[in-house]
PDB file of N, CA and C in Angstrom:
ATOM      1  N   MET A   1       0.850  -0.918  -0.180  1.00  0.00           N
ATOM      2  CA  MET A   1       0.401   0.344  -0.026  1.00  0.00           C
ATOM      3  C   MET A   1       0.939   1.224  -0.028  1.00  0.00           C
ATOM      4  N   PRO A   2       0.583   1.724  -0.714  1.00  0.00           N
ATOM      5  CA  PRO A   2       1.838   3.601  -1.023  1.00  0.00           C
ATOM      6  C   PRO A   2       1.394   4.000   0.454  1.00  0.00           C
ATOM      7  N   ILE A   3       2.288   4.918   0.813  1.00  0.00           N
ATOM      8  CA  ILE A   3       1.832   5.787   1.671  1.00  0.00           C
ATOM      9  C   ILE A   3       0.932   7.099   1.493  1.00  0.00           C
ATOM     10  N   ARG A   4      -0.217   7.455   2.408  1.00  0.00           N
ATOM     11  CA  ARG A   4      -1.130   8.522   2.017  1.00  0.00           C
ATOM     12  C   ARG A   4      -0.548   9.841   2.537  1.00  0.00           C
ATOM     13  N   HIS A   5       0.284  10.549   2.153  1.00  0.00           N
ATOM     14  CA  HIS A   5       1.279  11.686   2.497  1.00  0.00           C
ATOM     15  C   HIS A   5      -0.160  12.915   2.389  1.00  0.00           C
ATOM     16  N   ASP A   6      -1.648  12.945   1.688  1.00  0.00           N
ATOM     17  CA  ASP A   6      -2.932  13.651   2.658  1.00  0.00           C
ATOM     18  C   ASP A   6      -3.101  12.587   3.718  1.00  0.00           C
ATOM     19  N   LEU A   7      -2.752  11.922   3.958  1.00  0.00           N
ATOM     20  CA  LEU A   7      -3.496  11.026   5.460  1.00  0.00           C
ATOM     21  C   LEU A   7      -2.232  11.581   6.733  1.00  0.00           C
ATOM     22  N   PHE A   8      -1.266  10.753   5.675  1.00  0.00           N
ATOM     23  CA  PHE A   8      -0.301  10.655   7.393  1.00  0.00           C
ATOM     24  C   PHE A   8       0.611  11.431   7.257  1.00  0.00           C
ATOM     25  N   LYS A   9       1.717  11.838   8.536  1.00  0.00           N
ATOM     26  CA  LYS A   9       1.918  13.252   8.514  1.00  0.00           C
ATOM     27  C   LYS A   9       2.762  12.920   9.502  1.00  0.00           C
ATOM     28  N   ILE A  10       4.404  12.957   8.720  1.00  0.00           N
ATOM     29  CA  ILE A  10       5.406  12.614   9.470  1.00  0.00           C
ATOM     30  C   ILE A  10       5.731  13.209  10.824  1.00  0.00           C
ATOM     31  N   SER A  11       5.340  13.921  11.393  1.00  0.00           N
ATOM     32  CA  SER A  11       5.214  14.634  12.953  1.00  0.00           C
ATOM     33  C   SER A  11       5.048  13.581  13.459  1.00  0.00           C
ATOM     34  N   GLN A  12       3.709  13.100  12.950  1.00  0.00           N
ATOM     35  CA  GLN A  12       3.225  12.159  13.907  1.00  0.00           C
ATOM     36  C   GLN A  12       4.065  11.020  14.719  1.00  0.00           C
ATOM     37  N   VAL A  13       5.321  10.822  14.057  1.00  0.00           N
ATOM     38  CA  VAL A  13       6.632   9.901  14.805  1.00  0.00           C
ATOM     39  C   VAL A  13       7.729  10.659  15.443  1.00  0.00           C
ATOM     40  N   ASP A  14       8.742  10.238  16.236  1.00  0.00           N
ATOM     41  CA  ASP A  14       9.254  11.168  16.769  1.00  0.00           C
ATOM     42  C   ASP A  14      10.773  10.582  16.674  1.00  0.00           C
ATOM     43  N   LEU A  15      11.034   9.211  15.262  1.00  0.00           N
ATOM     44  CA  LEU A  15      12.032   8.919  15.159  1.00  0.00           C
ATOM     45  C   LEU A  15      12.118   8.082  14.100  1.00  0.00           C
ATOM     46  N   MET A  16      13.258   8.336  13.331  1.00  0.00           N
ATOM     47  CA  MET A  16      12.727   6.926  12.045  1.00  0.00           C
ATOM     48  C   MET A  16      14.094   7.351  11.846  1.00  0.00           C
ATOM     49  N   ASP A  17      14.495   5.239  12.558  1.00  0.00           N
ATOM     50  CA  ASP A  17      16.285   4.930  12.552  1.00  0.00           C
ATOM     51  C   ASP A  17      16.354   4.251  10.554  1.00  0.00           C
ATOM     52  N   SER A  18      17.480   4.872  10.268  1.00  0.00           N
ATOM     53  CA  SER A  18      18.243   3.613   9.683  1.00  0.00           C
ATOM     54  C   SER A  18      19.102   2.378   9.806  1.00  0.00           C
ATOM     55  N   GLN A  19      18.825   1.825  11.098  1.00  0.00           N
ATOM     56  CA  GLN A  19      19.027   0.620  11.872  1.00  0.00           C
ATOM     57  C   GLN A  19      18.197  -0.340  11.390  1.00  0.00           C
ATOM     58  N   LEU A  20      17.142  -0.130  11.520  1.00  0.00           N
ATOM     59  CA  LEU A  20      15.756  -0.822  12.329  1.00  0.00           C
ATOM     60  C   LEU A  20      14.570  -1.309  10.575  1.00  0.00           C
ATOM     61  N   ASN A  21      14.442  -2.394  10.611  1.00  0.00           N
ATOM     62  CA  ASN A  21      13.811  -2.683   9.513  1.00  0.00           C
ATOM     63  C   ASN A  21      11.747  -2.851   9.788  1.00  0.00           C
ATOM     64  N   VAL A  22      11.445  -2.077  10.834  1.00  0.00           N
ATOM     65  CA  VAL A  22      10.206  -2.489  11.052  1.00  0.00           C
ATOM     66  C   VAL A  22       9.897  -1.017  11.242  1.00  0.00           C
ATOM     67  N   ASP A  23       8.547  -1.285  11.560  1.00  0.00           N
ATOM     68  CA  ASP A  23       8.374  -0.170  11.807  1.00  0.00           C
ATOM     69  C   ASP A  23       7.371  -0.323  12.808  1.00  0.00           C
ATOM     70  N   VAL A  24       7.002   0.524  14.253  1.00  0.00           N
ATOM     71  CA  VAL A  24       7.187   0.375  15.679  1.00  0.00           C
ATOM     72  C   VAL A  24       6.666   1.223  16.736  1.00  0.00           C
ATOM     73  N   LEU A  25       5.654   1.501  16.797  1.00  0.00           N
ATOM     74  CA  LEU A  25       4.713   2.249  17.493  1.00  0.00           C
ATOM     75  C   LEU A  25       4.583   1.747  18.719  1.00  0.00           C
ATOM     76  N   SER A  26       4.668   2.985  20.252  1.00  0.00           N
ATOM     77  CA  SER A  26       4.638   3.289  21.330  1.00  0.00           C
ATOM     78  C   SER A  26       2.857   3.598  21.485  1.00  0.00           C
ATOM     79  N   ASN A  27       2.415   5.265  20.699  1.00  0.00           N
ATOM     80  CA  ASN A  27       0.757   5.632  21.146  1.00  0.00           C
ATOM     81  C   ASN A  27       0.007   5.125  20.468  1.00  0.00           C
ATOM     82  N   ASN A  28      -1.135   4.816  21.121  1.00  0.00           N
ATOM     83  CA  ASN A  28      -2.316   3.733  20.786  1.00  0.00           C
ATOM     84  C   ASN A  28      -3.227   4.453  20.408  1.00  0.00           C
ATOM     85  N   LYS A  29      -2.959   6.130  19.973  1.00  0.00           N
ATOM     86  CA  LYS A  29      -3.485   7.350  19.595  1.00  0.00           C
ATOM     87  C   LYS A  29      -4.064   7.302  18.289  1.00  0.00           C
ATOM     88  N   LEU A  30      -2.127   6.988  18.202  1.00  0.00           N
ATOM     89  CA  LEU A  30      -1.740   6.978  16.263  1.00  0.00           C
ATOM     90  C   LEU A  30      -2.522   5.691  15.305  1.00  0.00           C
ATOM     91  N   LEU A  31      -2.712   4.337  16.501  1.00  0.00           N
ATOM     92  CA  LEU A  31      -3.697   3.827  15.662  1.00  0.00           C
ATOM     93  C   LEU A  31      -5.014   3.774  16.129  1.00  0.00           C
ATOM     94  N   THR A  32      -5.315   2.461  14.733  1.00  0.00           N
ATOM     95  CA  THR A  32      -6.245   2.323  14.156  1.00  0.00           C
ATOM     96  C   THR A  32      -6.337   0.502  14.959  1.00  0.00           C
ATOM     97  N   ASN A  33      -7.370  -0.187  14.945  1.00  0.00           N
ATOM     98  CA  ASN A  33      -7.414  -1.511  14.877  1.00  0.00           C
ATOM     99  C   ASN A  33      -6.432  -2.313  15.578  1.00  0.00           C
ATOM    100  N   ILE A  34      -6.334  -2.296  15.640  1.00  0.00           N
ATOM    101  CA  ILE A  34      -4.921  -2.098  17.536  1.00  0.00           C
ATOM    102  C   ILE A  34      -5.532  -4.211  17.976  1.00  0.00           C
ATOM    103  N   ARG A  35      -4.689  -5.288  17.178  1.00  0.00           N
ATOM    104  CA  ARG A  35      -5.163  -6.717  17.314  1.00  0.00           C
ATOM    105  C   ARG A  35      -3.416  -7.133  17.414  1.00  0.00           C
ATOM    106  N   ASP A  36      -4.095  -8.393  17.504  1.00  0.00           N
ATOM    107  CA  ASP A  36      -2.417  -8.989  18.374  1.00  0.00           C
ATOM    108  C   ASP A  36      -2.843 -10.105  17.187  1.00  0.00           C
ATOM    109  N   VAL A  37      -1.265 -10.700  17.019  1.00  0.00           N
ATOM    110  CA  VAL A  37      -1.199 -11.279  15.761  1.00  0.00           C
ATOM    111  C   VAL A  37      -0.839 -12.911  15.848  1.00  0.00           C
ATOM    112  N   LYS A  38      -0.861 -13.842  14.587  1.00  0.00           N
ATOM    113  CA  LYS A  38       0.199 -14.947  15.465  1.00  0.00           C
ATOM    114  C   LYS A  38       1.608 -14.958  15.321  1.00  0.00           C
ATOM    115  N   LYS A  39       2.099 -13.997  14.566  1.00  0.00           N
ATOM    116  CA  LYS A  39       3.259 -14.629  14.436  1.00  0.00           C
ATOM    117  C   LYS A  39       3.912 -12.962  15.092  1.00  0.00           C
ATOM    118  N   ILE A  40       4.792 -13.284  16.011  1.00  0.00           N
ATOM    119  CA  ILE A  40       5.101 -11.864  17.159  1.00  0.00           C
ATOM    120  C   ILE A  40       6.975 -11.711  16.386  1.00  0.00           C
ATOM    121  N   LEU A  41       7.031 -10.168  17.429  1.00  0.00           N
ATOM    122  CA  LEU A  41       8.467  -9.384  16.472  1.00  0.00           C
ATOM    123  C   LEU A  41       8.709  -9.666  17.881  1.00  0.00           C
ATOM    124  N   THR A  42      10.067 -10.454  18.502  1.00  0.00           N
ATOM    125  CA  THR A  42      11.103  -9.686  18.839  1.00  0.00           C
ATOM    126  C   THR A  42      11.881  -9.608  19.150  1.00  0.00           C
ATOM    127  N   LEU A  43      11.940  -8.273  19.631  1.00  0.00           N
ATOM    128  CA  LEU A  43      12.932  -6.605  19.163  1.00  0.00           C
ATOM    129  C   LEU A  43      14.362  -6.930  20.482  1.00  0.00           C
ATOM    130  N   TYR A  44      15.704  -6.833  19.507  1.00  0.00           N
ATOM    131  CA  TYR A  44      16.534  -6.637  21.345  1.00  0.00           C
ATOM    132  C   TYR A  44      17.281  -5.668  20.826  1.00  0.00           C
ATOM    133  N   TRP A  45      17.094  -4.382  21.848  1.00  0.00           N
ATOM    134  CA  TRP A  45      18.496  -3.069  21.378  1.00  0.00           C
ATOM    135  C   TRP A  45      19.128  -3.520  23.065  1.00  0.00           C
ATOM    136  N   GLY A  46      20.552  -2.844  22.591  1.00  0.00           N
ATOM    137  CA  GLY A  46      21.227  -3.581  23.579  1.00  0.00           C
ATOM    138  C   GLY A  46      21.029  -4.580  24.240  1.00  0.00           C
ATOM    139  N   ALA A  47      20.828  -4.453  25.828  1.00  0.00           N
ATOM    140  CA  ALA A  47      20.540  -5.424  26.860  1.00  0.00           C
ATOM    141  C   ALA A  47      19.368  -5.794  26.701  1.00  0.00           C
ATOM    142  N   ARG A  48      17.943  -5.069  26.244  1.00  0.00           N
ATOM    143  CA  ARG A  48      17.237  -5.192  26.233  1.00  0.00           C
ATOM    144  C   ARG A  48      16.630  -6.008  25.471  1.00  0.00           C
ATOM    145  N   LYS A  49      15.618  -6.511  25.444  1.00  0.00           N
ATOM    146  CA  LYS A  49      14.560  -7.338  24.391  1.00  0.00           C
ATOM    147  C   LYS A  49      12.887  -7.069  24.684  1.00  0.00           C
ATOM    148  N   ALA A  50      12.706  -6.928  23.813  1.00  0.00           N
ATOM    149  CA  ALA A  50      11.114  -7.042  23.248  1.00  0.00           C
ATOM    150  C   ALA A  50      10.192  -7.845  22.838  1.00  0.00           C
ATOM    151  N   ILE A  51       9.203  -8.609  23.415  1.00  0.00           N
ATOM    152  CA  ILE A  51       8.133  -9.200  22.650  1.00  0.00           C
ATOM    153  C   ILE A  51       7.319  -8.722  22.583  1.00  0.00           C
ATOM    154  N   ILE A  52       6.567  -8.008  20.872  1.00  0.00           N
ATOM    155  CA  ILE A  52       6.114  -7.460  20.682  1.00  0.00           C
ATOM    156  C   ILE A  52       5.035  -8.257  19.650  1.00  0.00           C
ATOM    157  N   PRO A  53       3.154  -8.834  20.495  1.00  0.00           N
ATOM    158  CA  PRO A  53       2.473  -9.965  19.580  1.00  0.00           C
ATOM    159  C   PRO A  53       1.522  -8.553  19.468  1.00  0.00           C
ATOM    160  N   ARG A  54       1.844  -7.405  18.759  1.00  0.00           N
ATOM    161  CA  ARG A  54       0.782  -6.613  18.427  1.00  0.00           C
ATOM    162  C   ARG A  54       0.740  -5.502  17.494  1.00  0.00           C
ATOM    163  N   LYS A  55       0.156  -5.575  15.757  1.00  0.00           N
ATOM    164  CA  LYS A  55       0.364  -4.426  15.004  1.00  0.00           C
ATOM    165  C   LYS A  55      -1.292  -3.348  15.420  1.00  0.00           C
ATOM    166  N   GLY A  56      -0.877  -2.398  14.989  1.00  0.00           N
ATOM    167  CA  GLY A  56      -1.731  -1.895  14.443  1.00  0.00           C
ATOM    168  C   GLY A  56      -2.053  -0.515  13.430  1.00  0.00           C
ATOM    169  N   ASP A  57      -2.841  -0.129  12.797  1.00  0.00           N
ATOM    170  CA  ASP A  57      -3.450   0.586  11.235  1.00  0.00           C
ATOM    171  C   ASP A  57      -2.409   2.406  11.721  1.00  0.00           C
ATOM    172  N   LEU A  58      -1.946   2.704  11.330  1.00  0.00           N
ATOM    173  CA  LEU A  58      -1.150   3.788  10.961  1.00  0.00           C
ATOM    174  C   LEU A  58      -1.890   5.069   9.464  1.00  0.00           C
ATOM    175  N   LYS A  59      -2.971   5.344   9.972  1.00  0.00           N
ATOM    176  CA  LYS A  59      -3.468   6.064   8.423  1.00  0.00           C
ATOM    177  C   LYS A  59      -2.537   6.693   7.800  1.00  0.00           C
ATOM    178  N   GLY A  60      -3.019   6.204   6.771  1.00  0.00           N
ATOM    179  CA  GLY A  60      -1.749   6.831   5.633  1.00  0.00           C
ATOM    180  C   GLY A  60      -1.009   6.422   5.311  1.00  0.00           C
ATOM    181  N   TYR A  61      -0.330   5.704   5.602  1.00  0.00           N
ATOM    182  CA  TYR A  61       0.740   4.652   6.195  1.00  0.00           C
ATOM    183  C   TYR A  61       0.589   3.284   5.740  1.00  0.00           C
ATOM    184  N   GLY A  62      -0.209   2.996   7.562  1.00  0.00           N
ATOM    185  CA  GLY A  62      -0.239   0.621   7.251  1.00  0.00           C
ATOM    186  C   GLY A  62      -0.332   0.250   8.224  1.00  0.00           C
ATOM    187  N   THR A  63       0.223  -1.351   8.007  1.00  0.00           N
ATOM    188  CA  THR A  63       0.174  -1.385   9.060  1.00  0.00           C
ATOM    189  C   THR A  63       1.390  -1.189  10.298  1.00  0.00           C
ATOM    190  N   VAL A  64       1.858  -0.992  11.058  1.00  0.00           N
ATOM    191  CA  VAL A  64       2.730  -1.699  12.256  1.00  0.00           C
ATOM    192  C   VAL A  64       2.839  -2.072  13.074  1.00  0.00           C
ATOM    193  N   TRP A  65       4.040  -2.431  14.172  1.00  0.00           N
ATOM    194  CA  TRP A  65       4.156  -2.837  15.440  1.00  0.00           C
ATOM    195  C   TRP A  65       3.390  -2.162  16.338  1.00  0.00           C
ATOM    196  N   PHE A  66       3.416  -2.298  17.099  1.00  0.00           N
ATOM    197  CA  PHE A  66       1.625  -1.468  18.382  1.00  0.00           C
ATOM    198  C   PHE A  66       3.280  -2.227  19.528  1.00  0.00           C
ATOM    199  N   TYR A  67       3.406  -1.203  20.101  1.00  0.00           N
ATOM    200  CA  TYR A  67       4.642  -2.104  21.747  1.00  0.00           C
ATOM    201  C   TYR A  67       4.035  -0.444  22.761  1.00  0.00           C
ATOM    202  N   PRO A  68       2.745  -0.941  23.630  1.00  0.00           N
ATOM    203  CA  PRO A  68       3.190   0.054  23.975  1.00  0.00           C
ATOM    204  C   PRO A  68       3.622   0.491  25.442  1.00  0.00           C
ATOM    205  N   ASP A  69       4.857  -0.119  25.905  1.00  0.00           N
ATOM    206  CA  ASP A  69       5.515   0.194  26.958  1.00  0.00           C
ATOM    207  C   ASP A  69       7.000   0.773  26.055  1.00  0.00           C
ATOM    208  N   GLY A  70       7.396   1.129  25.191  1.00  0.00           N
ATOM    209  CA  GLY A  70       8.402   1.243  24.090  1.00  0.00           C
ATOM    210  C   GLY A  70       8.135   3.185  24.382  1.00  0.00           C
ATOM    211  N   ILE A  71       8.880   3.482  24.523  1.00  0.00           N
ATOM    212  CA  ILE A  71       9.362   4.792  25.112  1.00  0.00           C
ATOM    213  C   ILE A  71       9.150   5.786  23.754  1.00  0.00           C
ATOM    214  N   ALA A  72       8.961   5.601  21.838  1.00  0.00           N
ATOM    215  CA  ALA A  72       9.172   6.181  21.139  1.00  0.00           C
ATOM    216  C   ALA A  72       8.057   6.081  20.267  1.00  0.00           C
ATOM    217  N   ASN A  73       7.378   6.548  19.025  1.00  0.00           N
ATOM    218  CA  ASN A  73       7.857   6.084  17.801  1.00  0.00           C
ATOM    219  C   ASN A  73       8.329   5.893  16.845  1.00  0.00           C
ATOM    220  N   ILE A  74       8.182   4.729  16.005  1.00  0.00           N
ATOM    221  CA  ILE A  74       9.662   4.975  15.456  1.00  0.00           C
ATOM    222  C   ILE A  74       9.408   4.072  14.126  1.00  0.00           C
ATOM    223  N   LEU A  75       9.870   4.937  12.873  1.00  0.00           N
ATOM    224  CA  LEU A  75       9.346   4.004  11.706  1.00  0.00           C
ATOM    225  C   LEU A  75      11.221   3.604  11.196  1.00  0.00           C
ATOM    226  N   SER A  76      11.096   2.639  10.556  1.00  0.00           N
ATOM    227  CA  SER A  76      12.111   2.383   9.335  1.00  0.00           C
ATOM    228  C   SER A  76      12.598   3.083   8.241  1.00  0.00           C
ATOM    229  N   LEU A  77      13.614   4.303   8.497  1.00  0.00           N
ATOM    230  CA  LEU A  77      13.825   5.018   7.043  1.00  0.00           C
ATOM    231  C   LEU A  77      14.466   4.646   5.455  1.00  0.00           C
ATOM    232  N   GLY A  78      14.458   3.327   5.922  1.00  0.00           N
ATOM    233  CA  GLY A  78      14.645   2.029   4.349  1.00  0.00           C
ATOM    234  C   GLY A  78      13.265   2.310   4.085  1.00  0.00           C
ATOM    235  N   LYS A  79      12.448   1.723   5.460  1.00  0.00           N
ATOM    236  CA  LYS A  79      11.524   0.860   4.063  1.00  0.00           C
ATOM    237  C   LYS A  79      10.299   2.514   3.833  1.00  0.00           C
ATOM    238  N   HIS A  80      10.411   3.496   4.879  1.00  0.00           N
ATOM    239  CA  HIS A  80       9.999   4.906   3.706  1.00  0.00           C
ATOM    240  C   HIS A  80      10.987   4.780   2.401  1.00  0.00           C
ATOM    241  N   THR A  81      12.452   5.149   2.642  1.00  0.00           N
ATOM    242  CA  THR A  81      12.627   5.366   1.395  1.00  0.00           C
ATOM    243  C   THR A  81      12.375   5.214   0.350  1.00  0.00           C
ATOM    244  N   GLU A  82      12.494   3.262   0.723  1.00  0.00           N
ATOM    245  CA  GLU A  82      11.662   2.130  -0.560  1.00  0.00           C
ATOM    246  C   GLU A  82      10.456   3.116  -1.063  1.00  0.00           C
ATOM    247  N   GLU A  83       9.397   2.963   0.047  1.00  0.00           N
ATOM    248  CA  GLU A  83       8.107   3.347  -0.702  1.00  0.00           C
ATOM    249  C   GLU A  83       8.125   5.053  -1.352  1.00  0.00           C
ATOM    250  N   VAL A  84       8.513   5.802  -0.392  1.00  0.00           N
ATOM    251  CA  VAL A  84       9.205   6.768  -2.202  1.00  0.00           C
ATOM    252  C   VAL A  84       9.141   6.707  -3.121  1.00  0.00           C
ATOM    253  N   GLN A  85      10.125   6.361  -2.859  1.00  0.00           N
ATOM    254  CA  GLN A  85      11.667   5.942  -4.156  1.00  0.00           C
ATOM    255  C   GLN A  85      10.117   4.987  -5.223  1.00  0.00           C
ATOM    256  N   GLY A  86       9.595   4.385  -4.579  1.00  0.00           N
ATOM    257  CA  GLY A  86       9.634   3.338  -5.653  1.00  0.00           C
ATOM    258  C   GLY A  86       7.904   4.055  -6.349  1.00  0.00           C
ATOM    259  N   HIS A  87       7.324   4.654  -5.482  1.00  0.00           N
ATOM    260  CA  HIS A  87       5.587   5.567  -5.655  1.00  0.00           C
ATOM    261  C   HIS A  87       5.884   7.227  -6.600  1.00  0.00           C
ATOM    262  N   LYS A  88       7.362   7.355  -7.629  1.00  0.00           N
ATOM    263  CA  LYS A  88       7.547   8.919  -7.840  1.00  0.00           C
ATOM    264  C   LYS A  88       6.539   8.735  -8.286  1.00  0.00           C
TER     265      LYS A  88
END
């Protein structure tokens, strides 16, 4: 699904990470259709590990992982760049 820039505002996210290849949001107010998924995400950073069993839909962007215990809303810069380049 192409990013709908008329609906999605980059200011909704705190950070775009060039090392991350998934999108992880912690703010449930930005998401709709938050749901449990069968295939979970295990995310490691430093000495920490997060088990993320839910996804939600970010309006104008698409499906992202939802981690309410996170400290930021993070989108993958690589995924965003690929999307923009693929739909010029």
